[in-house]
Amino acid sequence: PICLHRYAEVWSLAWSPDGGRIATCSEDQSTRVWLVEPTSGGEERKGSERFSLSLLHAITGEHSLAVTCLDWRTVYIPRRFLGDRDEVAGSGGGGDGMEEKAAGDVGVDGEELCPVAVLATSSDDKLLHLYLTGGGRDGSTHAPIRLLSLQASQSGDPLGFETITYLVLVPRGPSQVALIAFASEAGYLYLHEVGGVRLFSQKIHRGSVE
């Protein structure tokens, strides 16, 4: 066994699109990225494999309270969000079954889109962060780079308490910007384009969506 987050609960994990890394998030306010490698030696059952984990990156100081959920997928985003980071565009690799296209596809609104691996995290601090990550298979395991942040807020909630409890990235193919859906402890569901445009928000449960 390996200690993923010392003295704190692990609340969620996700495989990278290429299958070579795992991200975990915890009550200790951090997200950690682990390299998964096959190992040899020792007794092994027939048809089984042994693996080891080694820490690649620790994302700390980004959330001020417990990190509640995360997701990691290859998605299409507007090139403008990459800024001067074009070297990682296209490194998402289609490892999650998405059809791999060359960087620079054009979306339905004429905006240039790029396939990249995106790691999304949510927290009790009401914030959601999206990070650009390398593809992994070609050794591009650079530290995650934050692309943008979203904040859950709903004026209809009298308590103003919008802890984000769950999230999922929604790939939509090379001609459409990916979506991100997330839910809150106040019972709201939100749907955004990856880029910050809110498409939908509505209270769907009387209590927390877990």
Protein backbone atom coordinates (compact mmCIF):
# COMPACT_ATOMS: atom_id res chain seq x y z
CA PRO A 1 0.00 0.00 0.00
CA ILE A 2 1.00 3.62 -0.54
CA CYS A 3 -0.04 6.72 1.39
CA LEU A 4 -1.64 9.04 -1.15
CA HIS A 5 -2.45 11.97 1.16
CA ARG A 6 -1.02 11.83 4.68
CA TYR A 7 -3.52 12.27 7.54
CA ALA A 8 -6.40 13.21 5.20
CA GLU A 9 -9.26 11.47 3.39
CA VAL A 10 -8.98 10.88 -0.38
CA TRP A 11 -12.28 12.04 -1.86
CA SER A 12 -11.92 11.27 -5.58
CA LEU A 13 -9.56 9.96 -8.25
CA ALA A 14 -9.37 9.80 -12.05
CA TRP A 15 -7.16 8.16 -14.66
CA SER A 16 -5.41 10.33 -17.22
CA PRO A 17 -6.68 9.96 -20.82
CA ASP A 18 -3.51 8.05 -21.78
CA GLY A 19 -3.93 5.62 -18.88
CA GLY A 20 -0.45 6.23 -17.51
CA ARG A 21 -1.25 8.50 -14.57
CA ILE A 22 -3.77 8.84 -11.75
CA ALA A 23 -4.91 12.08 -10.12
CA THR A 24 -6.22 12.08 -6.54
CA CYS A 25 -7.79 14.85 -4.47
CA SER A 26 -8.18 15.15 -0.75
CA GLU A 27 -9.48 16.86 2.34
CA ASP A 28 -5.97 18.30 2.72
CA GLN A 29 -6.80 20.86 -0.04
CA SER A 30 -4.39 19.29 -2.55
CA THR A 31 -4.55 17.39 -5.83
CA ARG A 32 -1.75 14.97 -6.63
CA VAL A 33 -0.72 13.40 -9.93
CA TRP A 34 0.86 9.94 -9.79
CA LEU A 35 2.82 8.04 -12.44
CA VAL A 36 1.63 4.43 -12.81
CA GLU A 37 4.36 2.01 -13.90
CA PRO A 38 4.48 -1.78 -14.21
CA THR A 39 6.96 -3.51 -11.92
CA SER A 40 8.68 -6.87 -12.01
CA GLY A 41 9.76 -9.22 -9.28
CA GLY A 42 7.97 -11.06 -6.52
CA GLU A 43 5.33 -13.72 -6.87
CA GLU A 44 2.57 -12.88 -9.32
CA ARG A 45 -0.64 -14.64 -10.05
CA LYS A 46 -1.04 -15.99 -13.56
CA GLY A 47 -2.40 -13.29 -15.88
CA SER A 48 -1.92 -10.51 -13.33
CA GLU A 49 0.37 -7.49 -13.32
CA ARG A 50 1.96 -5.48 -10.55
CA PHE A 51 2.22 -1.69 -10.62
CA SER A 52 3.90 1.05 -8.63
CA LEU A 53 2.92 4.67 -8.03
CA SER A 54 5.34 7.57 -7.84
CA LEU A 55 4.38 11.18 -7.20
CA LEU A 56 4.82 13.45 -10.24
CA HIS A 57 3.14 16.68 -9.14
CA ALA A 58 1.35 18.08 -6.10
CA ILE A 59 -1.10 20.92 -6.77
CA THR A 60 -1.28 22.92 -3.54
CA GLY A 61 -2.43 26.41 -2.65
CA GLU A 62 -5.01 26.50 -5.46
CA HIS A 63 -8.02 25.60 -3.28
CA SER A 64 -8.47 26.97 0.24
CA LEU A 65 -10.71 24.11 1.46
CA ALA A 66 -11.07 20.38 0.79
CA VAL A 67 -10.90 19.29 -2.87
CA THR A 68 -14.10 17.32 -3.36
CA CYS A 69 -14.02 15.89 -6.88
CA LEU A 70 -12.00 15.74 -10.10
CA ASP A 71 -12.17 14.53 -13.69
CA TRP A 72 -9.51 14.13 -16.39
CA ARG A 73 -10.33 13.83 -20.10
CA THR A 74 -9.24 14.80 -23.57
CA VAL A 75 -11.54 17.60 -24.71
CA TYR A 76 -11.68 20.30 -27.37
CA ILE A 77 -11.21 23.87 -26.15
CA PRO A 78 -10.74 27.23 -27.92
CA ARG A 79 -7.12 27.82 -28.92
CA ARG A 80 -7.27 31.30 -27.36
CA PHE A 81 -7.19 29.70 -23.89
CA LEU A 82 -3.80 28.17 -24.64
CA GLY A 83 -2.09 31.53 -24.99
CA ASP A 84 1.62 30.85 -25.55
CA ARG A 85 1.22 27.19 -24.54
CA ASP A 86 0.61 25.78 -28.03
CA GLU A 87 3.36 23.22 -27.51
CA VAL A 88 0.93 21.04 -25.54
CA ALA A 89 -1.99 21.46 -27.93
CA GLY A 90 -2.96 18.14 -29.39
CA SER A 91 -1.09 16.18 -26.70
CA GLY A 92 -4.36 14.94 -25.23
CA GLY A 93 -3.87 12.00 -27.52
CA GLY A 94 -7.41 10.67 -27.85
CA GLY A 95 -6.59 8.10 -25.17
CA ASP A 96 -10.17 8.10 -23.95
CA GLY A 97 -11.62 6.88 -27.23
CA MET A 98 -12.17 10.33 -28.75
CA GLU A 99 -11.32 10.49 -32.43
CA GLU A 100 -7.90 12.12 -32.64
CA LYS A 101 -7.75 15.20 -34.86
CA ALA A 102 -4.98 17.62 -35.67
CA ALA A 103 -4.79 20.75 -33.55
CA GLY A 104 -6.56 23.62 -35.18
CA ASP A 105 -9.98 22.16 -36.00
CA VAL A 106 -12.70 24.74 -36.55
CA GLY A 107 -15.81 24.74 -34.36
CA VAL A 108 -19.37 25.38 -35.44
CA ASP A 109 -18.99 29.10 -34.67
CA GLY A 110 -15.76 29.41 -36.65
CA GLU A 111 -13.47 29.45 -33.60
CA GLU A 112 -10.32 27.36 -33.74
CA LEU A 113 -10.43 24.39 -31.34
CA CYS A 114 -7.62 22.18 -30.02
CA PRO A 115 -7.72 18.71 -28.42
CA VAL A 116 -5.96 18.79 -25.04
CA ALA A 117 -5.93 16.78 -21.84
CA VAL A 118 -7.76 18.77 -19.16
CA LEU A 119 -7.83 18.05 -15.42
CA ALA A 120 -10.76 19.64 -13.55
CA THR A 121 -11.00 19.99 -9.76
CA SER A 122 -13.75 21.23 -7.45
CA SER A 123 -13.73 22.24 -3.81
CA ASP A 124 -15.59 23.24 -0.68
CA ASP A 125 -14.28 26.76 -1.40
CA LYS A 126 -16.96 27.08 -4.16
CA LEU A 127 -14.32 27.14 -6.93
CA LEU A 128 -13.70 24.88 -9.89
CA HIS A 129 -10.29 24.92 -11.61
CA LEU A 130 -9.35 23.58 -15.05
CA TYR A 131 -5.73 22.62 -15.74
CA LEU A 132 -3.87 21.86 -18.96
CA THR A 133 -1.81 18.65 -18.71
CA GLY A 134 0.58 16.84 -21.02
CA GLY A 135 -0.31 13.69 -22.92
CA GLY A 136 2.06 11.47 -20.99
CA ARG A 137 2.87 8.83 -23.61
CA ASP A 138 5.60 11.01 -25.17
CA GLY A 139 7.02 11.97 -21.79
CA SER A 140 5.13 15.28 -21.64
CA THR A 141 4.34 15.08 -17.94
CA HIS A 142 4.82 18.76 -17.13
CA ALA A 143 3.15 20.25 -14.08
CA PRO A 144 -0.56 21.04 -14.63
CA ILE A 145 -1.10 24.63 -15.82
CA ARG A 146 -4.29 26.36 -14.70
CA LEU A 147 -6.36 27.52 -17.66
CA LEU A 148 -9.36 29.10 -15.95
CA SER A 149 -11.59 29.01 -12.89
CA LEU A 150 -15.36 29.02 -12.34
CA GLN A 151 -17.32 29.91 -9.21
CA ALA A 152 -20.65 28.42 -8.22
CA SER A 153 -23.08 31.16 -7.26
CA GLN A 154 -26.84 31.22 -7.21
CA SER A 155 -28.75 34.23 -5.92
CA GLY A 156 -31.74 32.00 -5.23
CA ASP A 157 -29.84 30.20 -2.50
CA PRO A 158 -30.57 32.12 0.73
CA LEU A 159 -27.57 30.64 2.52
CA GLY A 160 -25.13 31.45 -0.25
CA PHE A 161 -23.49 28.08 0.42
CA GLU A 162 -22.43 26.57 -2.86
CA THR A 163 -19.88 23.86 -2.11
CA ILE A 164 -19.23 22.00 -5.36
CA THR A 165 -19.74 18.33 -4.62
CA TYR A 166 -19.45 16.63 -8.01
CA LEU A 167 -18.22 17.41 -11.54
CA VAL A 168 -17.78 15.74 -14.92
CA LEU A 169 -16.16 16.88 -18.18
CA VAL A 170 -18.27 16.22 -21.28
CA PRO A 171 -16.32 15.84 -24.58
CA ARG A 172 -18.40 16.70 -27.66
CA GLY A 173 -16.05 16.05 -30.58
CA PRO A 174 -13.79 18.23 -32.74
CA SER A 175 -16.42 20.76 -33.84
CA GLN A 176 -17.84 21.71 -30.42
CA VAL A 177 -16.34 23.13 -27.25
CA ALA A 178 -16.45 20.63 -24.37
CA LEU A 179 -18.89 21.06 -21.50
CA ILE A 180 -18.45 20.76 -17.77
CA ALA A 181 -21.34 19.79 -15.52
CA PHE A 182 -21.11 20.25 -11.77
CA ALA A 183 -23.45 20.05 -8.81
CA SER A 184 -23.59 21.72 -5.41
CA GLU A 185 -24.40 21.00 -1.80
CA ALA A 186 -27.35 23.36 -2.15
CA GLY A 187 -28.93 21.02 -4.73
CA TYR A 188 -28.12 23.01 -7.89
CA LEU A 189 -26.93 21.62 -11.21
CA TYR A 190 -24.75 23.81 -13.46
CA LEU A 191 -23.71 23.31 -17.07
CA HIS A 192 -20.93 25.44 -18.58
CA GLU A 193 -18.91 25.45 -21.74
CA VAL A 194 -15.23 24.95 -21.00
CA GLY A 195 -14.45 28.62 -21.32
CA GLY A 196 -16.83 29.93 -18.69
CA VAL A 197 -20.10 30.47 -20.57
CA ARG A 198 -22.96 29.25 -18.37
CA LEU A 199 -25.60 27.35 -20.32
CA PHE A 200 -27.83 26.12 -17.52
CA SER A 201 -28.37 26.32 -13.76
CA GLN A 202 -31.31 24.97 -11.79
CA LYS A 203 -32.11 23.60 -8.37
CA ILE A 204 -32.83 19.90 -8.95
CA HIS A 205 -32.75 18.45 -5.41
CA ARG A 206 -33.78 19.72 -1.99
CA GLY A 207 -30.48 18.53 -0.54
CA SER A 208 -26.89 18.00 -1.57
CA VAL A 209 -26.04 16.35 -4.89
CA GLU A 210 -23.30 13.81 -4.09
